[in-house]
Amino acid sequence: MASSGIPATESTIGARANPSDASDAVAAALSPGRPVNPKLVLLLVCVAQFVLLVDDTIVNVALPTIGDDLHFTESSLSWVTNAYFLTFGGFLLIGGGLADLLGRRRLFGISLMLFVLASAVCGIAPTDGVLIGARAAQGIAGALLSPAALSILLATFREPAERARALGTWAALTGLGAATGLLLGGALVEWTHWRWIFLINLPIGAVALLALPRVIGPDDREAVRRVPDFAGAAIGTAAVLTLVYTVVETDTHPWDSTRTLLGLAVAALLALGFTLRQRTAAEPLLPRALLRMRHLVLADVLVLVAAGGLFAMFFFLTLYMQRVQGWSPMRTGSSFLPFSVGMGLGAAISTKLIAKRGPLLPVSVGPAIAAGGMWLMSRLDEHSSYTWHLLPALVVTGLGLGVAFVAIIHTATGGAGEGEGGVASAMVTTCQQIGAAIGIAVLVTIATNHTKDRIAAGVLKERAAVEGFSRAFEIQAGLMGVAALLGIVVGVATRRHHAGRK
């Protein structure tokens, strides 16, 4: 990606700094007249996104140790992960609006600094309450950082082939970051201390903050910026927070309990209020131009479905490896490396297919391949070997998801205008985080109930646990099958959209 092929006036994100803006003035002094290097921009924003994705899973293998050190109860320990998912998914709509209002680079720097500070508090947390609160702060910072990073990428890479390659790298991080989080978490827990799963963000964040003014040009202060509908943002955020909180609490409050049903009803009412607000607001949070793009909205739905299968897969495989196979945290984490390799290969294949034929083929075939890999996982038992059973399933699933996610993200963000990149980015990431949280919560309930039923029927506990995992993998394979069908619809809608613009 040596040359972006973008005219000089478009290869930078803003050409001049406003003297009254201190942060932009500093940036201009550090890099006067220096054009943006697309390779460095891609590297910087991908590093930021990678750290966020790693934090989705890095704590999983450390939870038992964290629980012992900080005296968590069994029910409260899950909030070490849930607090991050909850606030990350809940505040993304606000993050997208702020990226377009305040400027991409400015929000990128502010939110990255907040994420580093929250990580430091996590690393030195003396009590369970402090750790949960800091994890929630990490999620809020991530909700601001992720759409800012992706909108910077979209503004830097505007030529279709260049954007496809950049988004291919971005999409590959979804699986790579999740798998790396498990590997890194296992290594840090075994070789150092669990606190380093958070403290490791400090040097990475510090380097990124120092590089920011040298790599990314100042925001264009002369650009016309729309003021997002903050009242609508508050309603939408409340709807997402209520929904995700209600779902993740189903481990202690069943789906048919009064509390769960009431929570779902409140979330539905808030969602309705958000919809009505968007129809009447002078500057809606979700621009009507974006919502009229059928292929973009369908791609977001596809992300929601696919994320529910992907992150639940990591959750159940981690339990299978540690509780059934008896593997150490380090061995568990390293076992996911073939998945990352498969996803990287799939992303490379998808990038080439999009450049030559468009997204229709990868956006439909990718989820179908992933469905096959998850069906292989559903065939695992307590005696399955890694080489002959788990390894093929991981490679096939990673390959399919790599092919799929590049095309999905390319479709979900490709139609956004210059001033709408942050919102389009936030919509994609919101669907990803909500899908992950809901997918894990729903499938945990199904797997747990199936395991209990099998134990009551006289099946040994270990065998019953494996059968519960298998049931979850079967449903995940079904979700990916649904995603494949949605992919066909998305691909056709995308072709029609582009044909209509010619």
Protein backbone atom coordinates (compact mmCIF):
# COMPACT_ATOMS: atom_id res chain seq x y z
CA MET A 1 0.00 0.00 0.00
CA ALA A 2 2.87 2.26 -0.91
CA SER A 3 0.78 4.93 -2.56
CA SER A 4 -2.77 5.84 -1.72
CA GLY A 5 -3.59 7.12 -5.17
CA ILE A 6 -5.49 9.97 -3.51
CA PRO A 7 -5.04 13.56 -4.70
CA ALA A 8 -2.98 15.73 -2.40
CA THR A 9 -6.04 17.67 -1.28
CA GLU A 10 -7.71 14.47 -0.16
CA SER A 11 -4.81 12.52 1.29
CA THR A 12 -4.85 14.48 4.50
CA ILE A 13 -7.49 14.74 7.16
CA GLY A 14 -7.63 18.48 7.34
CA ALA A 15 -4.98 20.76 5.91
CA ARG A 16 -4.77 23.64 8.38
CA ALA A 17 -4.93 24.05 12.09
CA ASN A 18 -6.97 26.71 13.85
CA PRO A 19 -4.51 28.83 15.88
CA SER A 20 -7.06 29.02 18.68
CA ASP A 21 -7.05 25.28 19.01
CA ALA A 22 -4.12 24.31 21.22
CA SER A 23 -4.06 20.63 20.30
CA ASP A 24 -4.10 21.33 16.57
CA ALA A 25 -1.44 24.03 16.96
CA VAL A 26 0.87 21.58 18.71
CA ALA A 27 0.25 19.05 15.96
CA ALA A 28 1.01 21.60 13.27
CA ALA A 29 4.27 22.54 14.98
CA LEU A 30 5.32 18.92 15.22
CA SER A 31 4.55 18.13 11.60
CA PRO A 32 4.41 21.37 9.59
CA GLY A 33 3.24 20.79 6.05
CA ARG A 34 3.78 17.06 6.36
CA PRO A 35 1.34 15.02 4.26
CA VAL A 36 -0.37 12.05 5.82
CA ASN A 37 1.31 8.70 5.17
CA PRO A 38 -1.60 6.27 4.64
CA LYS A 39 0.46 3.31 5.87
CA LEU A 40 1.18 5.00 9.19
CA VAL A 41 -2.43 6.12 9.57
CA LEU A 42 -3.60 2.56 9.02
CA LEU A 43 -1.04 1.24 11.50
CA LEU A 44 -2.01 3.73 14.21
CA VAL A 45 -5.78 3.30 13.99
CA CYS A 46 -5.43 -0.49 13.77
CA VAL A 47 -3.25 -0.54 16.89
CA ALA A 48 -5.98 1.35 18.76
CA GLN A 49 -8.72 -0.98 17.50
CA PHE A 50 -6.59 -4.03 18.24
CA VAL A 51 -6.18 -2.99 21.89
CA LEU A 52 -9.95 -2.54 22.22
CA LEU A 53 -10.64 -5.98 20.74
CA VAL A 54 -8.00 -7.65 22.91
CA ASP A 55 -9.75 -6.23 25.97
CA ASP A 56 -12.95 -8.01 24.88
CA THR A 57 -11.38 -11.37 25.75
CA ILE A 58 -8.10 -10.88 27.61
CA VAL A 59 -9.71 -11.15 31.05
CA ASN A 60 -11.45 -14.49 30.37
CA VAL A 61 -8.58 -16.78 31.34
CA ALA A 62 -7.68 -14.56 34.32
CA LEU A 63 -11.13 -14.46 35.94
CA PRO A 64 -10.50 -17.25 38.51
CA THR A 65 -7.29 -15.57 39.72
CA ILE A 66 -8.90 -12.12 39.81
CA GLY A 67 -11.82 -13.54 41.79
CA ASP A 68 -9.51 -15.04 44.41
CA ASP A 69 -7.33 -11.94 44.81
CA LEU A 70 -10.13 -9.37 45.07
CA HIS A 71 -12.65 -11.64 46.81
CA PHE A 72 -15.34 -11.50 44.15
CA THR A 73 -18.52 -13.47 44.67
CA GLU A 74 -19.40 -15.94 41.92
CA SER A 75 -22.21 -13.73 40.61
CA SER A 76 -20.26 -10.46 40.71
CA LEU A 77 -17.18 -11.87 38.91
CA SER A 78 -18.98 -11.90 35.56
CA TRP A 79 -19.20 -8.11 35.74
CA VAL A 80 -15.47 -7.84 35.10
CA THR A 81 -16.36 -8.65 31.47
CA ASN A 82 -19.98 -7.50 31.40
CA ALA A 83 -19.18 -3.94 32.55
CA TYR A 84 -16.91 -3.49 29.52
CA PHE A 85 -19.41 -4.92 27.02
CA LEU A 86 -22.27 -2.95 28.56
CA THR A 87 -20.74 0.52 28.36
CA PHE A 88 -18.88 -0.12 25.10
CA GLY A 89 -22.08 -1.12 23.33
CA GLY A 90 -24.19 1.49 25.07
CA PHE A 91 -22.19 4.63 24.34
CA LEU A 92 -21.15 3.97 20.74
CA LEU A 93 -23.95 6.09 19.27
CA ILE A 94 -22.71 9.08 21.22
CA GLY A 95 -19.14 8.28 20.17
CA GLY A 96 -20.09 8.31 16.51
CA GLY A 97 -21.82 11.66 16.81
CA LEU A 98 -18.91 13.23 18.68
CA ALA A 99 -16.43 12.00 16.06
CA ASP A 100 -18.30 13.96 13.41
CA LEU A 101 -18.84 17.02 15.64
CA LEU A 102 -15.53 17.48 17.47
CA GLY A 103 -13.25 16.07 14.80
CA ARG A 104 -11.84 12.60 14.32
CA ARG A 105 -8.30 13.19 15.48
CA ARG A 106 -9.25 15.24 18.52
CA LEU A 107 -11.72 12.61 19.76
CA PHE A 108 -9.21 9.86 18.95
CA GLY A 109 -6.60 11.48 21.21
CA ILE A 110 -8.97 12.28 24.07
CA SER A 111 -10.59 8.86 24.14
CA LEU A 112 -7.26 7.03 23.85
CA MET A 113 -5.95 8.97 26.84
CA LEU A 114 -9.09 8.11 28.84
CA PHE A 115 -8.71 4.43 27.90
CA VAL A 116 -5.10 4.39 29.12
CA LEU A 117 -6.07 6.05 32.41
CA ALA A 118 -8.94 3.59 32.96
CA SER A 119 -6.57 0.70 32.22
CA ALA A 120 -4.16 2.01 34.85
CA VAL A 121 -6.95 2.09 37.45
CA CYS A 122 -7.91 -1.48 36.50
CA GLY A 123 -4.31 -2.56 36.98
CA ILE A 124 -4.01 -1.11 40.50
CA ALA A 125 -7.62 -1.70 41.61
CA PRO A 126 -7.63 -2.59 45.34
CA THR A 127 -11.22 -3.87 45.46
CA ASP A 128 -13.78 -5.60 43.27
CA GLY A 129 -15.94 -2.47 43.04
CA VAL A 130 -13.06 -0.30 41.82
CA LEU A 131 -12.16 -2.86 39.15
CA ILE A 132 -15.74 -3.08 37.85
CA GLY A 133 -16.05 0.70 37.77
CA ALA A 134 -12.76 1.05 35.90
CA ARG A 135 -13.81 -1.61 33.40
CA ALA A 136 -16.98 0.39 32.75
CA ALA A 137 -14.82 3.49 32.17
CA GLN A 138 -12.69 1.48 29.74
CA GLY A 139 -15.83 0.61 27.82
CA ILE A 140 -16.96 4.25 27.58
CA ALA A 141 -13.53 5.31 26.33
CA GLY A 142 -13.57 2.47 23.80
CA ALA A 143 -17.01 3.56 22.59
CA LEU A 144 -15.54 6.97 21.76
CA LEU A 145 -12.26 5.66 20.35
CA SER A 146 -13.49 2.98 17.95
CA PRO A 147 -15.74 5.14 15.69
CA ALA A 148 -13.12 7.91 15.68
CA ALA A 149 -10.48 5.43 14.52
CA LEU A 150 -12.63 3.90 11.78
CA SER A 151 -13.79 7.29 10.50
CA ILE A 152 -10.12 8.36 10.22
CA LEU A 153 -9.49 5.26 8.13
CA LEU A 154 -12.48 5.97 5.88
CA ALA A 155 -11.39 9.58 5.34
CA THR A 156 -7.82 8.57 4.54
CA PHE A 157 -8.60 5.75 2.10
CA ARG A 158 -11.20 6.99 -0.38
CA GLU A 159 -10.25 5.20 -3.60
CA PRO A 160 -12.27 1.92 -3.71
CA ALA A 161 -9.39 -0.54 -4.05
CA GLU A 162 -7.32 1.20 -1.37
CA ARG A 163 -10.30 1.37 0.98
CA ALA A 164 -11.04 -2.32 0.43
CA ARG A 165 -7.49 -3.26 1.42
CA ALA A 166 -7.54 -0.99 4.48
CA LEU A 167 -10.90 -2.35 5.60
CA GLY A 168 -9.59 -5.87 5.03
CA THR A 169 -6.89 -5.23 7.60
CA TRP A 170 -9.43 -3.63 9.96
CA ALA A 171 -11.88 -6.52 9.66
CA ALA A 172 -9.19 -9.15 10.21
CA LEU A 173 -8.55 -7.56 13.61
CA THR A 174 -11.96 -8.70 14.87
CA GLY A 175 -10.99 -12.34 15.17
CA LEU A 176 -7.27 -11.71 15.57
CA GLY A 177 -7.80 -9.36 18.49
CA ALA A 178 -10.19 -11.71 20.27
CA ALA A 179 -7.88 -14.71 19.83
CA THR A 180 -4.80 -12.71 20.78
CA GLY A 181 -6.55 -11.55 23.93
CA LEU A 182 -6.92 -15.16 25.05
CA LEU A 183 -3.28 -15.96 24.23
CA LEU A 184 -1.91 -12.81 25.84
CA GLY A 185 -4.12 -13.20 28.89
CA GLY A 186 -2.96 -16.79 29.41
CA ALA A 187 0.71 -15.83 29.06
CA LEU A 188 0.47 -12.88 31.44
CA VAL A 189 -1.43 -14.83 34.09
CA GLU A 190 1.06 -17.71 34.02
CA TRP A 191 4.30 -15.73 33.72
CA THR A 192 3.62 -12.43 35.53
CA HIS A 193 0.52 -11.27 37.38
CA TRP A 194 -3.09 -10.81 36.31
CA ARG A 195 -2.79 -7.03 36.78
CA TRP A 196 -0.58 -6.87 33.69
CA ILE A 197 -3.50 -7.77 31.45
CA PHE A 198 -4.56 -4.15 32.06
CA LEU A 199 -1.20 -2.44 32.65
CA ILE A 200 0.11 -3.61 29.28
CA ASN A 201 -2.18 -1.02 27.69
CA LEU A 202 -0.14 1.81 29.21
CA PRO A 203 3.05 1.59 27.11
CA ILE A 204 1.04 0.82 23.95
CA GLY A 205 -1.26 3.78 24.56
CA ALA A 206 1.63 6.10 25.39
CA VAL A 207 3.42 5.30 22.12
CA ALA A 208 0.19 5.79 20.16
CA LEU A 209 -0.46 9.17 21.81
CA LEU A 210 3.07 10.35 21.02
CA ALA A 211 2.69 9.22 17.41
CA LEU A 212 -0.75 10.76 16.92
CA PRO A 213 0.24 14.38 16.03
CA ARG A 214 3.03 13.13 13.76
CA VAL A 215 0.93 10.60 11.86
CA ILE A 216 -2.55 12.11 11.52
CA GLY A 217 -3.06 15.63 10.24
CA PRO A 218 -5.15 18.17 12.18
CA ASP A 219 -8.91 18.12 11.82
CA ASP A 220 -10.29 20.51 9.23
CA ARG A 221 -11.75 23.25 11.41
CA GLU A 222 -13.36 24.94 8.40
CA ALA A 223 -15.46 21.92 7.55
CA VAL A 224 -19.19 22.20 8.18
CA ARG A 225 -20.06 20.00 11.14
CA ARG A 226 -23.56 18.98 12.05
CA VAL A 227 -24.49 19.07 15.73
CA PRO A 228 -25.79 15.61 16.62
CA ASP A 229 -29.09 15.09 18.38
CA PHE A 230 -27.87 14.66 21.94
CA ALA A 231 -31.39 14.13 23.29
CA GLY A 232 -31.81 11.29 20.82
CA ALA A 233 -28.36 10.01 21.77
CA ALA A 234 -29.40 9.88 25.43
CA ILE A 235 -32.57 7.92 24.61
CA GLY A 236 -30.71 5.56 22.28
CA THR A 237 -27.93 4.99 24.79
CA ALA A 238 -30.48 4.28 27.53
CA ALA A 239 -32.21 1.76 25.24
CA VAL A 240 -28.98 -0.10 24.47
CA LEU A 241 -27.80 -0.04 28.10
CA THR A 242 -31.15 -1.36 29.32
CA LEU A 243 -31.25 -4.12 26.72
CA VAL A 244 -27.68 -5.33 27.26
CA TYR A 245 -27.92 -5.07 31.07
CA THR A 246 -31.15 -7.07 31.07
CA VAL A 247 -29.69 -9.78 28.84
CA VAL A 248 -26.39 -10.19 30.71
CA GLU A 249 -28.31 -10.47 34.00
CA THR A 250 -30.25 -13.51 32.78
CA ASP A 251 -27.62 -15.71 34.41
CA THR A 252 -29.22 -14.82 37.75
CA HIS A 253 -32.72 -13.77 36.59
CA PRO A 254 -34.35 -16.26 34.15
CA TRP A 255 -35.76 -15.12 30.84
CA ASP A 256 -39.34 -15.58 32.05
CA SER A 257 -38.79 -13.69 35.32
CA THR A 258 -40.68 -10.45 35.98
CA ARG A 259 -37.43 -8.48 36.16
CA THR A 260 -36.18 -9.70 32.77
CA LEU A 261 -39.51 -9.20 31.02
CA LEU A 262 -39.85 -5.71 32.52
CA GLY A 263 -36.32 -4.83 31.41
CA LEU A 264 -37.00 -5.98 27.84
CA ALA A 265 -40.24 -3.99 27.80
CA VAL A 266 -38.46 -0.82 28.98
CA ALA A 267 -35.75 -1.32 26.35
CA ALA A 268 -38.42 -1.71 23.65
CA LEU A 269 -40.19 1.48 24.76
CA LEU A 270 -36.91 3.41 24.76
CA ALA A 271 -36.11 2.05 21.29
CA LEU A 272 -39.51 3.24 20.09
CA GLY A 273 -38.87 6.65 21.63
CA PHE A 274 -35.50 6.79 19.90
CA THR A 275 -37.10 5.94 16.55
CA LEU A 276 -39.72 8.65 16.94
CA ARG A 277 -37.08 11.17 17.99
CA GLN A 278 -34.98 10.41 14.91
CA ARG A 279 -37.97 11.07 12.67
CA THR A 280 -38.65 14.50 14.16
CA ALA A 281 -35.18 15.80 15.06
CA ALA A 282 -33.74 18.57 12.89
CA GLU A 283 -30.32 16.85 12.97
CA PRO A 284 -31.02 13.18 13.71
CA LEU A 285 -28.27 11.09 15.29
CA LEU A 286 -28.63 8.56 12.49
CA PRO A 287 -28.69 10.59 9.26
CA ARG A 288 -31.72 9.77 7.14
CA ALA A 289 -29.46 9.51 4.10
CA LEU A 290 -27.67 6.56 5.74
CA LEU A 291 -30.88 4.84 6.81
CA ARG A 292 -32.22 5.06 3.27
CA MET A 293 -29.28 2.95 2.11
CA ARG A 294 -30.85 -0.49 2.40
CA HIS A 295 -27.61 -2.37 1.86
CA LEU A 296 -25.92 -0.46 4.69
CA VAL A 297 -28.68 -1.18 7.21
CA LEU A 298 -28.82 -4.85 6.21
CA ALA A 299 -25.04 -5.11 6.63
CA ASP A 300 -25.38 -3.80 10.19
CA VAL A 301 -27.98 -6.50 10.91
CA LEU A 302 -25.57 -9.05 9.47
CA VAL A 303 -22.83 -7.82 11.83
CA LEU A 304 -25.24 -8.22 14.76
CA VAL A 305 -25.98 -11.86 13.89
CA ALA A 306 -22.39 -12.83 13.07
CA ALA A 307 -20.95 -11.24 16.23
CA GLY A 308 -23.38 -13.24 18.35
CA GLY A 309 -21.83 -16.43 16.98
CA LEU A 310 -18.20 -15.31 16.97
CA PHE A 311 -17.72 -14.08 20.54
CA ALA A 312 -19.88 -16.84 22.01
CA MET A 313 -17.58 -19.30 20.23
CA PHE A 314 -14.55 -17.96 22.12
CA PHE A 315 -16.44 -18.15 25.40
CA PHE A 316 -17.48 -21.79 25.04
CA LEU A 317 -14.22 -23.02 23.53
CA THR A 318 -12.31 -21.49 26.44
CA LEU A 319 -14.53 -23.38 28.90
CA TYR A 320 -14.18 -26.58 26.88
CA MET A 321 -10.38 -26.38 26.78
CA GLN A 322 -9.92 -25.55 30.47
CA ARG A 323 -12.74 -27.45 32.17
CA VAL A 324 -13.07 -30.51 29.95
CA GLN A 325 -9.60 -30.93 28.48
CA GLY A 326 -7.86 -29.56 31.60
CA TRP A 327 -5.51 -27.26 29.69
CA SER A 328 -3.58 -24.40 31.28
CA PRO A 329 -4.42 -20.77 30.47
CA MET A 330 -1.31 -20.53 28.28
CA ARG A 331 -2.11 -23.65 26.27
CA THR A 332 -5.71 -22.51 25.92
CA GLY A 333 -4.69 -19.16 24.51
CA SER A 334 -2.10 -20.55 22.10
CA SER A 335 -4.64 -23.05 20.76
CA PHE A 336 -6.49 -20.18 19.07
CA LEU A 337 -3.52 -19.15 16.91
CA PRO A 338 -4.65 -21.27 13.92
CA PHE A 339 -7.97 -19.42 14.04
CA SER A 340 -6.12 -16.11 13.70
CA VAL A 341 -4.08 -17.46 10.79
CA GLY A 342 -7.25 -18.66 9.07
CA MET A 343 -8.95 -15.33 9.57
CA GLY A 344 -5.99 -13.41 8.20
CA LEU A 345 -5.92 -15.64 5.12
CA GLY A 346 -9.67 -15.22 4.67
CA ALA A 347 -9.37 -11.44 4.93
CA ALA A 348 -6.70 -11.41 2.21
CA ILE A 349 -8.86 -13.54 -0.09
CA SER A 350 -11.91 -11.35 0.56
CA THR A 351 -10.01 -8.16 -0.23
CA LYS A 352 -9.04 -9.49 -3.66
CA LEU A 353 -12.57 -10.74 -4.37
CA ILE A 354 -14.11 -7.38 -3.48
CA ALA A 355 -11.68 -5.52 -5.74
CA LYS A 356 -12.46 -7.80 -8.69
CA ARG A 357 -16.12 -8.79 -8.29
CA GLY A 358 -17.63 -6.77 -5.46
CA PRO A 359 -18.83 -8.00 -2.05
CA LEU A 360 -21.66 -10.38 -3.12
CA LEU A 361 -19.58 -13.57 -3.14
CA PRO A 362 -17.55 -13.09 0.08
CA VAL A 363 -20.43 -11.63 2.09
CA SER A 364 -22.53 -14.76 1.47
CA VAL A 365 -19.95 -17.55 1.14
CA GLY A 366 -17.88 -16.44 4.16
CA PRO A 367 -20.62 -17.01 6.78
CA ALA A 368 -21.48 -20.34 5.14
CA ILE A 369 -17.88 -21.53 5.56
CA ALA A 370 -17.89 -20.32 9.19
CA ALA A 371 -21.13 -22.23 9.78
CA GLY A 372 -19.37 -25.41 8.64
CA GLY A 373 -16.54 -24.81 11.08
CA MET A 374 -18.91 -24.26 13.99
CA TRP A 375 -20.81 -27.42 13.06
CA LEU A 376 -17.47 -29.27 13.38
CA MET A 377 -17.13 -27.79 16.88
CA SER A 378 -20.53 -29.19 17.80
CA ARG A 379 -19.13 -32.69 17.14
CA LEU A 380 -16.46 -32.35 19.86
CA ASP A 381 -16.58 -34.62 22.90
CA GLU A 382 -14.48 -35.11 26.02
CA HIS A 383 -12.06 -37.40 24.12
CA SER A 384 -11.57 -35.24 21.01
CA SER A 385 -7.98 -34.49 20.02
CA TYR A 386 -6.70 -31.04 19.15
CA THR A 387 -4.97 -32.07 15.93
CA TRP A 388 -7.74 -34.11 14.33
CA HIS A 389 -10.87 -32.45 15.69
CA LEU A 390 -10.42 -28.95 17.13
CA LEU A 391 -7.70 -27.67 14.78
CA PRO A 392 -9.70 -28.19 11.54
CA ALA A 393 -12.76 -26.55 13.11
CA LEU A 394 -10.74 -23.48 14.15
CA VAL A 395 -9.07 -23.05 10.76
CA VAL A 396 -12.31 -23.44 8.79
CA THR A 397 -14.22 -21.06 11.07
CA GLY A 398 -11.45 -18.45 10.98
CA LEU A 399 -11.20 -18.66 7.20
CA GLY A 400 -14.94 -18.14 6.77
CA LEU A 401 -15.16 -15.26 9.21
CA GLY A 402 -12.15 -13.54 7.61
CA VAL A 403 -13.80 -13.75 4.21
CA ALA A 404 -17.11 -12.48 5.61
CA PHE A 405 -16.12 -9.60 7.86
CA VAL A 406 -14.06 -7.70 5.31
CA ALA A 407 -17.01 -7.66 2.90
CA ILE A 408 -19.52 -6.85 5.65
CA ILE A 409 -17.59 -3.87 7.02
CA HIS A 410 -16.81 -2.67 3.50
CA THR A 411 -20.53 -2.69 2.73
CA ALA A 412 -21.63 -1.19 6.05
CA THR A 413 -19.33 1.83 5.75
CA GLY A 414 -18.79 2.21 2.00
CA GLY A 415 -21.76 4.48 1.39
CA ALA A 416 -21.11 6.95 4.18
CA GLY A 417 -20.49 10.55 3.22
CA GLU A 418 -17.51 12.57 4.43
CA GLY A 419 -19.40 13.96 7.42
CA GLU A 420 -21.09 10.69 8.33
CA GLY A 421 -18.13 8.34 8.69
CA GLY A 422 -18.20 8.43 12.49
CA VAL A 423 -21.90 7.56 12.66
CA ALA A 424 -21.58 4.76 10.08
CA SER A 425 -18.60 3.39 12.00
CA ALA A 426 -20.48 3.58 15.29
CA MET A 427 -23.46 1.72 13.82
CA VAL A 428 -21.20 -1.18 12.78
CA THR A 429 -19.40 -1.38 16.13
CA THR A 430 -22.63 -1.00 18.11
CA CYS A 431 -24.10 -4.00 16.31
CA GLN A 432 -20.90 -5.95 16.93
CA GLN A 433 -20.83 -5.26 20.68
CA ILE A 434 -24.56 -5.78 21.21
CA GLY A 435 -24.45 -8.99 19.19
CA ALA A 436 -21.54 -10.27 21.27
CA ALA A 437 -23.20 -9.48 24.62
CA ILE A 438 -26.60 -10.87 23.67
CA GLY A 439 -25.16 -13.91 21.91
CA ILE A 440 -23.09 -14.95 24.92
CA ALA A 441 -25.95 -14.36 27.39
CA VAL A 442 -28.56 -16.25 25.38
CA LEU A 443 -26.32 -19.18 24.52
CA VAL A 444 -25.02 -19.50 28.08
CA THR A 445 -28.61 -19.87 29.28
CA ILE A 446 -29.36 -22.50 26.64
CA ALA A 447 -26.15 -24.46 27.28
CA THR A 448 -26.57 -24.33 31.06
CA ASN A 449 -30.17 -25.52 30.94
CA HIS A 450 -29.28 -28.35 28.55
CA THR A 451 -26.43 -29.44 30.82
CA LYS A 452 -28.73 -29.47 33.86
CA ASP A 453 -31.31 -31.52 31.99
CA ARG A 454 -28.69 -34.08 30.94
CA ILE A 455 -27.34 -34.37 34.50
CA ALA A 456 -30.89 -34.89 35.77
CA ALA A 457 -31.23 -37.67 33.18
CA GLY A 458 -28.24 -39.47 34.72
CA VAL A 459 -25.46 -38.33 32.38
CA LEU A 460 -22.04 -37.80 33.97
CA LYS A 461 -21.25 -34.15 34.75
CA GLU A 462 -18.31 -33.84 32.32
CA ARG A 463 -20.24 -35.45 29.48
CA ALA A 464 -23.28 -33.29 30.22
CA ALA A 465 -21.14 -30.14 30.07
CA VAL A 466 -19.79 -31.14 26.64
CA GLU A 467 -23.32 -31.77 25.39
CA GLY A 468 -24.31 -28.30 26.60
CA PHE A 469 -21.41 -26.78 24.67
CA SER A 470 -22.37 -28.83 21.60
CA ARG A 471 -25.90 -27.48 21.71
CA ALA A 472 -24.51 -23.93 21.82
CA PHE A 473 -22.20 -24.62 18.84
CA GLU A 474 -25.13 -26.04 16.86
CA ILE A 475 -27.07 -22.82 17.41
CA GLN A 476 -24.02 -20.75 16.47
CA ALA A 477 -23.72 -22.73 13.24
CA GLY A 478 -27.38 -21.92 12.62
CA LEU A 479 -26.73 -18.22 13.25
CA MET A 480 -23.96 -18.26 10.68
CA GLY A 481 -26.29 -20.01 8.25
CA VAL A 482 -28.79 -17.18 8.73
CA ALA A 483 -25.94 -14.72 8.22
CA ALA A 484 -25.08 -16.43 4.92
CA LEU A 485 -28.66 -15.96 3.70
CA LEU A 486 -28.58 -12.33 4.84
CA GLY A 487 -25.29 -11.99 2.99
CA ILE A 488 -26.98 -12.85 -0.30
CA VAL A 489 -29.58 -10.15 0.32
CA VAL A 490 -26.88 -7.65 1.32
CA GLY A 491 -24.79 -8.41 -1.75
CA VAL A 492 -27.72 -8.02 -4.13
CA ALA A 493 -28.81 -4.77 -2.42
CA THR A 494 -25.25 -3.44 -2.70
CA ARG A 495 -25.11 -4.18 -6.43
CA ARG A 496 -28.42 -2.42 -6.98
CA HIS A 497 -27.26 0.59 -4.95
CA HIS A 498 -24.10 1.03 -6.98
CA ALA A 499 -25.91 0.37 -10.25
CA GLY A 500 -28.41 3.10 -9.38
CA ARG A 501 -25.60 5.62 -8.78
CA LYS A 502 -24.07 5.10 -12.23
